[in-house]
Protein backbone atom coordinates (compact mmCIF):
# COMPACT_ATOMS: atom_id res chain seq x y z
CA MET A 1 -10.99 -12.65 -28.16
CA ARG A 2 -8.75 -9.61 -29.31
CA VAL A 3 -8.75 -9.62 -32.84
CA GLU A 4 -5.46 -10.18 -33.39
CA ASP A 5 -6.08 -13.22 -31.08
CA VAL A 6 -8.46 -14.97 -33.07
CA LYS A 7 -5.73 -14.02 -36.44
CA ALA A 8 -2.94 -16.08 -34.19
CA VAL A 9 -5.69 -18.97 -33.57
CA LEU A 10 -7.03 -19.36 -37.26
CA ALA A 11 -3.03 -18.87 -38.64
CA ALA A 12 -1.81 -21.75 -36.09
CA PRO A 13 0.00 -24.43 -38.45
CA ASP A 14 -1.45 -27.14 -36.18
CA HIS A 15 -4.18 -27.96 -33.56
CA GLN A 16 -1.49 -28.37 -30.40
CA ALA A 17 -0.79 -24.44 -31.28
CA ARG A 18 -3.96 -23.74 -31.33
CA ASN A 19 -4.92 -25.29 -28.32
CA ALA A 20 -1.99 -23.63 -26.38
CA LEU A 21 -3.31 -19.75 -27.98
CA ILE A 22 -7.00 -20.74 -26.36
CA ALA A 23 -5.77 -22.14 -23.93
CA ALA A 24 -3.49 -18.51 -22.85
CA HIS A 25 -6.47 -17.03 -23.90
CA LEU A 26 -8.95 -18.70 -20.68
CA SER A 27 -6.02 -18.10 -17.86
CA ARG A 28 -6.56 -14.74 -18.84
CA LEU A 29 -9.88 -14.56 -18.78
CA GLU A 30 -10.40 -16.77 -15.32
CA ASP A 31 -7.09 -13.78 -13.88
CA GLU A 32 -9.93 -11.25 -14.84
CA LEU A 33 -12.52 -13.09 -13.81
CA ALA A 34 -10.78 -13.51 -10.36
CA GLN A 35 -10.31 -9.66 -10.42
CA MET A 36 -13.58 -8.64 -10.74
CA GLN A 37 -14.72 -10.43 -8.10
CA LEU A 38 -12.47 -9.20 -5.80
CA SER A 39 -13.50 -5.82 -6.78
CA VAL A 40 -17.03 -6.43 -6.27
CA ALA A 41 -16.63 -7.82 -3.13
CA SER A 42 -14.28 -4.43 -2.50
CA LEU A 43 -17.25 -2.45 -3.45
CA ARG A 44 -19.84 -4.40 -1.30
CA SER A 45 -18.04 -4.07 1.89
CA LEU A 46 -18.27 -0.74 0.90
CA LEU A 47 -21.63 -0.49 0.58
CA GLU A 48 -22.52 -2.91 3.21
CA PRO A 49 -20.38 -1.83 5.95
CA ALA A 50 -19.97 -4.57 8.76
CA ASP A 51 -21.77 -3.55 11.92
CA ALA A 52 -18.50 -3.92 14.18
CA PRO A 53 -16.74 -0.33 14.10
CA ILE A 54 -12.99 -0.72 13.57
CA ALA A 55 -10.57 0.03 16.59
CA VAL A 56 -8.41 3.26 16.30
CA GLU A 57 -6.11 4.48 18.04
CA HIS A 58 -4.34 8.00 18.73
CA ARG A 59 -0.34 7.58 17.92
CA THR A 60 1.73 10.31 18.44
CA VAL A 61 5.34 9.24 15.76
CA PRO A 62 8.65 10.91 16.42
CA ALA A 63 11.02 12.48 13.32
CA THR A 64 12.89 9.25 11.94
CA THR A 65 15.93 8.65 9.46
CA ALA A 66 15.23 5.77 6.67
CA ALA A 67 16.26 5.28 3.42
CA ALA A 68 13.71 6.12 1.04
CA VAL A 69 12.08 5.66 -2.44
CA GLN A 70 9.90 8.50 -3.58
CA ASP A 71 8.39 8.58 -7.15
CA VAL A 72 5.09 10.70 -8.13
CA VAL A 73 3.21 7.21 -9.63
CA GLU A 74 -0.26 6.30 -11.52
CA LEU A 75 -2.83 4.81 -9.64
CA HIS A 76 -2.62 1.62 -11.67
CA ASP A 77 0.49 1.24 -11.33
CA LEU A 78 1.09 1.88 -7.34
CA LEU A 79 1.40 -1.81 -6.34
CA PRO A 80 3.67 -3.20 -8.48
CA TRP A 81 5.91 -0.02 -8.00
CA TYR A 82 5.75 -0.28 -4.36
CA GLN A 83 6.23 -4.04 -3.97
CA GLY A 84 9.72 -3.09 -6.09
CA ALA A 85 10.90 -0.11 -4.16
CA LEU A 86 10.37 -2.02 -1.49
CA GLY A 87 12.59 -4.70 -2.37
CA GLU A 88 15.15 -1.93 -3.70
CA LEU A 89 15.14 -0.46 -0.63
CA HIS A 90 16.14 -4.00 1.53
CA ALA A 91 18.74 -4.78 -0.53
CA THR A 92 20.13 -1.59 -0.58
CA VAL A 93 20.21 -1.01 3.29
CA ALA A 94 21.42 -5.34 3.52
CA ALA A 95 24.20 -4.38 1.18
CA GLN A 96 25.50 -1.83 3.11
CA ASP A 97 25.12 -3.59 6.59
CA LEU A 98 22.30 -1.44 7.88
CA ARG A 99 20.01 -2.93 10.51
CA PRO A 100 16.06 -1.64 10.03
CA SER A 101 15.02 0.35 13.50
CA GLY A 102 11.79 -0.78 12.66
CA PRO A 103 9.01 -1.72 10.56
CA SER A 104 8.96 0.13 6.80
CA GLY A 105 6.47 2.02 5.90
CA GLY A 106 4.67 4.15 3.10
CA LEU A 107 4.02 7.82 3.14
CA PHE A 108 0.97 8.61 -0.46
CA SER A 109 -0.56 12.09 -1.22
CA SER A 110 -4.21 12.43 -1.03
CA ASP A 111 -3.48 13.24 -5.21
CA LEU A 112 -3.41 9.88 -5.49
CA VAL A 113 -7.04 8.82 -4.25
CA GLN A 114 -8.28 12.33 -5.71
CA TYR A 115 -6.76 12.41 -9.08
CA GLU A 116 -5.33 9.27 -9.35
CA ARG A 117 -1.51 10.58 -9.60
CA GLY A 118 0.71 11.74 -6.79
CA GLU A 119 3.81 11.05 -4.90
CA ALA A 120 4.70 8.13 -3.25
CA THR A 121 6.82 7.30 -0.78
CA VAL A 122 8.37 4.09 0.69
CA PHE A 123 10.99 3.86 3.49
CA VAL A 124 13.11 1.10 6.02
CA PRO A 125 13.47 3.45 9.18
CA LEU A 126 17.39 3.82 10.17
CA ASP A 127 19.58 4.85 13.27
CA GLU A 128 21.92 6.31 10.35
CA ASN A 129 21.96 7.96 7.02
CA VAL A 130 22.16 5.58 3.96
CA ARG A 131 24.86 6.05 1.40
CA PRO A 132 22.35 6.98 -2.13
CA VAL A 133 22.38 4.11 -4.70
CA GLY A 134 19.70 3.64 -7.46
CA ARG A 135 16.30 5.09 -6.41
CA VAL A 136 17.37 5.11 -3.12
CA ALA A 137 17.90 8.45 -0.69
CA SER A 138 18.17 9.68 2.66
CA LEU A 139 14.83 10.65 4.44
CA LEU A 140 14.22 12.49 7.25
CA VAL A 141 10.49 11.02 7.78
CA PRO A 142 8.69 14.21 9.65
CA ALA A 143 6.81 13.60 13.02
CA ALA A 144 2.90 12.96 13.07
CA GLU A 145 -0.14 12.76 14.88
CA LEU A 146 -1.98 9.42 13.53
CA ALA A 147 -5.27 7.84 13.60
CA VAL A 148 -4.09 4.75 13.31
CA THR A 149 -6.52 1.25 12.34
CA ILE A 150 -5.11 -2.32 11.17
CA HIS A 151 -5.88 -3.71 8.73
CA ARG A 152 -4.92 -7.54 8.69
CA GLY A 153 -4.41 -10.20 5.33
CA PRO A 154 -3.64 -9.18 1.28
CA HIS A 155 -4.18 -5.38 -0.22
CA THR A 156 -7.08 -6.05 -2.01
CA ASP A 157 -9.12 -4.98 -0.18
CA ILE A 158 -7.06 -2.06 1.83
CA ASP A 159 -9.67 0.50 0.42
CA VAL A 160 -12.32 -0.83 2.78
CA THR A 161 -10.07 0.04 5.56
CA TYR A 162 -8.97 3.05 4.26
CA GLY A 163 -13.15 3.76 3.97
CA ALA A 164 -13.74 2.76 7.42
CA LEU A 165 -10.78 4.95 8.93
CA GLY A 166 -11.32 8.20 6.87
CA THR A 167 -14.83 7.69 8.10
CA TYR A 168 -13.92 7.54 11.94
CA VAL A 169 -11.56 10.93 11.18
CA THR A 170 -14.40 12.48 9.19
CA GLU A 171 -17.15 12.08 11.99
CA HIS A 172 -14.56 13.26 14.28
CA GLU A 173 -13.70 16.37 12.58
CA LEU A 174 -10.01 15.60 13.26
CA ALA A 175 -8.43 15.68 10.31
CA VAL A 176 -5.38 17.50 8.80
CA ASP A 177 -3.60 18.03 5.40
CA GLY A 178 -0.87 15.53 4.77
CA PRO A 179 0.13 11.89 3.29
CA VAL A 180 -1.32 8.73 5.12
CA ARG A 181 1.00 6.73 6.22
CA GLU A 182 1.67 2.97 6.23
CA TYR A 183 3.79 0.94 8.12
CA TYR A 184 4.24 -3.11 7.63
CA PRO A 185 4.89 -5.20 10.77
CA VAL A 186 4.48 -7.69 8.78
CA ASP A 187 4.61 -8.21 5.08
CA ALA A 188 6.06 -9.57 1.92
CA HIS A 189 9.18 -9.09 3.28
CA SER A 190 8.24 -11.20 6.26
CA THR A 191 6.10 -14.23 4.99
CA ASP A 192 4.85 -15.42 1.90
CA ASN A 193 1.10 -15.95 3.39
CA SER A 194 -0.18 -12.76 2.66
CA ALA A 195 -2.77 -14.09 5.22
CA GLN A 196 -0.52 -13.70 7.99
CA TRP A 197 0.38 -9.61 6.56
CA ARG A 198 -0.57 -6.51 8.84
CA THR A 199 -1.02 -3.56 7.58
CA GLU A 200 -1.01 0.03 10.43
CA ILE A 201 -2.73 3.07 8.52
CA GLY A 202 -2.32 6.01 9.77
CA TRP A 203 -4.32 9.28 9.20
CA PRO A 204 -2.94 12.50 10.06
CA ILE A 205 -5.46 14.88 12.59
CA PHE A 206 -4.36 17.02 15.22
CA GLN A 207 -4.71 15.59 18.82
CA THR A 208 -7.89 16.88 21.19
CA GLU A 209 -7.26 15.64 24.08
CA TRP A 210 -4.75 18.32 26.58
CA VAL A 211 -3.31 18.82 29.99
CA CYS A 212 -4.52 21.24 32.65
CA PRO A 213 -1.48 22.83 34.34
CA VAL A 214 -0.41 22.41 37.49
CA GLN A 215 -1.43 25.25 39.69
């Protein structure tokens, strides 16, 4: 226990207060253990990847008008920031009687991984501009050529899917500079069952296919 927690236990006025403090500490330990087990499983998957290759689709994505929240984020704050920003986006879009024209998505700079701090954007595509409110503003999401794979389930081990897609892109010498892109066909806004979540991860690439002109 931390020193201040030990002091609190020793200073507890009765056994019920003392037991409550110990129970709270036990709960924190259980949460830390669960997170550690997830981290161990994730690292083991990186060291011992599955034999089956991931399915990758090359996709051309057109430019899209969207409501967006952009910020510079610390890597350890990314998940709560993403959840809050996406909730704010959906609330603003609904309040303005707008309808999403497709699944929500995100743009994440490589600085987030390399330096643990970088620009992050989440967006909801629309057919018209949103009126700026709070952090929400209108954004033109640029067109892109992407290598896309699907991560199924919660985001606790999404780094494994990222690693597999990064390996694919590197081995095929396709990578170009630009933010990695995510789309959320099924997410927390769709269902509380995280096992049903589906995240499309898009790595920016250049297309190697070409069409011979007709003579």
